[in-house]
Amino acid sequence: MTADRHSVNRAFRELGLRFQWDERTWAELCAMPDVREQLRYYLPRHQPHLLGAYEADFLGNLVAQQLAHPGGTELSLEA
């Protein structure tokens, strides 16, 4: 599933992830097939500390799930 940058950023906020993709980052990532691939590429380069707590695939699946059900039941990484 492909999503637009604003939808992805909304999913990040809803999940409690404290980063957003700006236009420059989005331009680098938007050619990738889905948010899972985008996060596999992005996280080690820009948010490597998250990979100490979560696997990229876990976060990718969580964001994809949030994108599939926007404004529905909020999932969260925050305790």
N, C-alpha and C. Protein backbone atom coordinates (compact mmCIF):
# COMPACT_ATOMS: atom_id res chain seq x y z
N MET A 1 0.84 -1.17 0.00
CA MET A 1 0.00 0.00 0.00
C MET A 1 0.89 1.24 0.00
N THR A 2 0.57 2.19 -0.84
CA THR A 2 1.29 3.45 -0.84
C THR A 2 0.45 4.49 -0.11
N ALA A 3 1.11 5.40 0.53
CA ALA A 3 0.43 6.46 1.27
C ALA A 3 1.14 7.77 0.99
N ASP A 4 0.46 8.87 1.26
CA ASP A 4 1.09 10.17 1.10
C ASP A 4 1.84 10.55 2.37
N ARG A 5 2.72 11.51 2.26
CA ARG A 5 3.58 11.92 3.37
C ARG A 5 2.77 12.37 4.58
N HIS A 6 1.71 13.12 4.36
CA HIS A 6 0.92 13.63 5.49
C HIS A 6 0.23 12.50 6.25
N SER A 7 -0.23 11.49 5.53
CA SER A 7 -0.84 10.33 6.18
C SER A 7 0.18 9.55 7.00
N VAL A 8 1.37 9.39 6.44
CA VAL A 8 2.44 8.69 7.16
C VAL A 8 2.81 9.47 8.42
N ASN A 9 2.97 10.78 8.31
CA ASN A 9 3.31 11.60 9.47
C ASN A 9 2.21 11.54 10.53
N ARG A 10 0.95 11.50 10.10
CA ARG A 10 -0.15 11.37 11.06
C ARG A 10 -0.05 10.03 11.79
N ALA A 11 0.24 8.97 11.05
CA ALA A 11 0.40 7.65 11.67
C ALA A 11 1.54 7.67 12.69
N PHE A 12 2.65 8.32 12.34
CA PHE A 12 3.76 8.43 13.30
C PHE A 12 3.28 9.11 14.59
N ARG A 13 2.58 10.24 14.45
CA ARG A 13 2.08 10.97 15.63
C ARG A 13 1.15 10.09 16.46
N GLU A 14 0.21 9.43 15.80
CA GLU A 14 -0.75 8.59 16.50
C GLU A 14 -0.08 7.45 17.25
N LEU A 15 1.05 6.99 16.75
CA LEU A 15 1.79 5.91 17.40
C LEU A 15 2.77 6.41 18.45
N GLY A 16 2.90 7.72 18.56
CA GLY A 16 3.83 8.27 19.55
C GLY A 16 5.26 8.34 19.06
N LEU A 17 5.49 8.14 17.75
CA LEU A 17 6.83 8.28 17.19
C LEU A 17 7.14 9.76 17.03
N ARG A 18 8.27 10.18 17.50
CA ARG A 18 8.59 11.61 17.57
C ARG A 18 9.44 12.09 16.40
N PHE A 19 9.10 11.67 15.22
CA PHE A 19 9.75 12.20 14.03
C PHE A 19 8.70 12.33 12.93
N GLN A 20 9.01 13.18 11.99
CA GLN A 20 8.14 13.43 10.84
C GLN A 20 9.01 13.43 9.59
N TRP A 21 8.43 13.07 8.46
CA TRP A 21 9.16 13.11 7.20
C TRP A 21 8.88 14.42 6.50
N ASP A 22 9.93 15.19 6.25
CA ASP A 22 9.79 16.45 5.51
C ASP A 22 9.78 16.14 4.01
N GLU A 23 9.64 17.18 3.20
CA GLU A 23 9.55 16.99 1.75
C GLU A 23 10.82 16.36 1.19
N ARG A 24 11.96 16.75 1.70
CA ARG A 24 13.22 16.20 1.21
C ARG A 24 13.33 14.70 1.50
N THR A 25 12.98 14.32 2.72
CA THR A 25 13.01 12.91 3.10
C THR A 25 12.00 12.13 2.26
N TRP A 26 10.80 12.68 2.11
CA TRP A 26 9.77 12.00 1.33
C TRP A 26 10.22 11.79 -0.12
N ALA A 27 10.88 12.78 -0.69
CA ALA A 27 11.37 12.65 -2.06
C ALA A 27 12.34 11.48 -2.19
N GLU A 28 13.09 11.24 -1.13
CA GLU A 28 14.05 10.13 -1.12
C GLU A 28 13.35 8.77 -0.97
N LEU A 29 12.21 8.76 -0.29
CA LEU A 29 11.55 7.50 0.06
C LEU A 29 10.35 7.13 -0.80
N CYS A 30 9.74 8.09 -1.45
CA CYS A 30 8.44 7.84 -2.10
C CYS A 30 8.50 6.85 -3.26
N ALA A 31 9.65 6.60 -3.82
CA ALA A 31 9.75 5.62 -4.91
C ALA A 31 9.71 4.18 -4.39
N MET A 32 9.87 4.00 -3.10
CA MET A 32 9.85 2.66 -2.52
C MET A 32 8.42 2.16 -2.47
N PRO A 33 8.23 0.84 -2.56
CA PRO A 33 6.89 0.30 -2.73
C PRO A 33 5.90 0.51 -1.59
N ASP A 34 6.39 0.58 -0.36
CA ASP A 34 5.47 0.75 0.77
C ASP A 34 6.21 1.28 1.99
N VAL A 35 5.43 1.57 3.02
CA VAL A 35 6.00 2.18 4.23
C VAL A 35 6.96 1.22 4.94
N ARG A 36 6.75 -0.06 4.80
CA ARG A 36 7.67 -1.02 5.42
C ARG A 36 9.08 -0.87 4.83
N GLU A 37 9.15 -0.83 3.51
CA GLU A 37 10.44 -0.65 2.84
C GLU A 37 11.03 0.72 3.18
N GLN A 38 10.19 1.72 3.20
CA GLN A 38 10.65 3.07 3.53
C GLN A 38 11.28 3.10 4.90
N LEU A 39 10.65 2.46 5.88
CA LEU A 39 11.21 2.45 7.24
C LEU A 39 12.47 1.59 7.34
N ARG A 40 12.53 0.50 6.59
CA ARG A 40 13.76 -0.31 6.59
C ARG A 40 14.96 0.51 6.11
N TYR A 41 14.71 1.39 5.18
CA TYR A 41 15.77 2.25 4.67
C TYR A 41 16.04 3.43 5.62
N TYR A 42 14.99 4.06 6.09
CA TYR A 42 15.08 5.29 6.86
C TYR A 42 15.65 5.09 8.28
N LEU A 43 15.14 4.12 8.99
CA LEU A 43 15.49 3.99 10.41
C LEU A 43 16.99 3.86 10.68
N PRO A 44 17.72 2.98 10.01
CA PRO A 44 19.15 2.88 10.33
C PRO A 44 19.93 4.15 10.01
N ARG A 45 19.44 4.93 9.08
CA ARG A 45 20.16 6.13 8.67
C ARG A 45 19.80 7.37 9.49
N HIS A 46 18.55 7.43 9.99
CA HIS A 46 18.09 8.66 10.62
C HIS A 46 17.57 8.49 12.05
N GLN A 47 17.18 7.29 12.43
CA GLN A 47 16.67 7.03 13.78
C GLN A 47 17.22 5.70 14.31
N PRO A 48 18.53 5.51 14.24
CA PRO A 48 19.08 4.19 14.59
C PRO A 48 18.82 3.78 16.04
N HIS A 49 18.63 4.76 16.93
CA HIS A 49 18.36 4.43 18.33
C HIS A 49 17.08 3.61 18.49
N LEU A 50 16.11 3.81 17.60
CA LEU A 50 14.87 3.04 17.69
C LEU A 50 15.09 1.56 17.44
N LEU A 51 16.11 1.24 16.65
CA LEU A 51 16.39 -0.16 16.33
C LEU A 51 16.98 -0.91 17.51
N GLY A 52 17.37 -0.19 18.55
CA GLY A 52 17.79 -0.84 19.78
C GLY A 52 16.62 -1.37 20.58
N ALA A 53 15.43 -0.84 20.32
CA ALA A 53 14.24 -1.25 21.04
C ALA A 53 13.24 -2.02 20.16
N TYR A 54 13.22 -1.72 18.87
CA TYR A 54 12.24 -2.30 17.96
C TYR A 54 12.93 -2.76 16.68
N GLU A 55 12.39 -3.79 16.08
CA GLU A 55 12.86 -4.20 14.75
C GLU A 55 12.17 -3.33 13.72
N ALA A 56 12.87 -3.04 12.64
CA ALA A 56 12.29 -2.20 11.57
C ALA A 56 11.00 -2.80 11.03
N ASP A 57 10.94 -4.12 10.90
CA ASP A 57 9.73 -4.75 10.38
C ASP A 57 8.55 -4.58 11.34
N PHE A 58 8.81 -4.65 12.64
CA PHE A 58 7.76 -4.43 13.62
C PHE A 58 7.18 -3.02 13.47
N LEU A 59 8.06 -2.02 13.41
CA LEU A 59 7.59 -0.64 13.26
C LEU A 59 6.89 -0.45 11.91
N GLY A 60 7.43 -1.04 10.86
CA GLY A 60 6.80 -0.93 9.55
C GLY A 60 5.40 -1.51 9.54
N ASN A 61 5.24 -2.67 10.16
CA ASN A 61 3.91 -3.29 10.23
C ASN A 61 2.95 -2.46 11.08
N LEU A 62 3.45 -1.90 12.16
CA LEU A 62 2.62 -1.06 13.02
C LEU A 62 2.14 0.19 12.29
N VAL A 63 3.04 0.84 11.59
CA VAL A 63 2.68 2.04 10.82
C VAL A 63 1.71 1.67 9.70
N ALA A 64 1.97 0.57 9.01
CA ALA A 64 1.08 0.13 7.93
C ALA A 64 -0.32 -0.15 8.47
N GLN A 65 -0.39 -0.77 9.63
CA GLN A 65 -1.69 -1.04 10.25
C GLN A 65 -2.40 0.27 10.61
N GLN A 66 -1.67 1.22 11.13
CA GLN A 66 -2.25 2.52 11.48
C GLN A 66 -2.74 3.23 10.22
N LEU A 67 -1.99 3.13 9.13
CA LEU A 67 -2.40 3.74 7.87
C LEU A 67 -3.67 3.10 7.32
N ALA A 68 -3.81 1.80 7.53
CA ALA A 68 -4.99 1.08 7.04
C ALA A 68 -6.25 1.43 7.82
N HIS A 69 -6.08 1.92 9.05
CA HIS A 69 -7.22 2.25 9.91
C HIS A 69 -7.02 3.61 10.55
N PRO A 70 -6.92 4.66 9.74
CA PRO A 70 -6.66 6.00 10.29
C PRO A 70 -7.81 6.47 11.18
N GLY A 71 -7.44 7.06 12.29
CA GLY A 71 -8.43 7.61 13.20
C GLY A 71 -9.22 6.55 13.94
N GLY A 72 -8.91 5.28 13.69
CA GLY A 72 -9.59 4.20 14.40
C GLY A 72 -8.95 4.01 15.76
N THR A 73 -8.94 2.81 16.21
CA THR A 73 -8.31 2.51 17.48
C THR A 73 -6.84 2.86 17.41
N GLU A 74 -6.42 3.74 18.29
CA GLU A 74 -5.01 4.16 18.26
C GLU A 74 -4.14 3.13 18.94
N LEU A 75 -3.13 2.74 18.25
CA LEU A 75 -2.07 1.92 18.82
C LEU A 75 -1.05 2.91 19.34
N SER A 76 -0.21 2.49 20.23
CA SER A 76 0.81 3.42 20.72
C SER A 76 2.03 2.66 21.19
N LEU A 77 3.17 3.28 21.00
CA LEU A 77 4.43 2.74 21.50
C LEU A 77 4.76 3.34 22.86
N GLU A 78 4.01 4.36 23.26
CA GLU A 78 4.30 5.05 24.51
C GLU A 78 3.69 4.26 25.67
N ALA A 79 4.43 4.24 26.78
CA ALA A 79 3.92 3.55 27.98
C ALA A 79 3.10 4.49 28.81
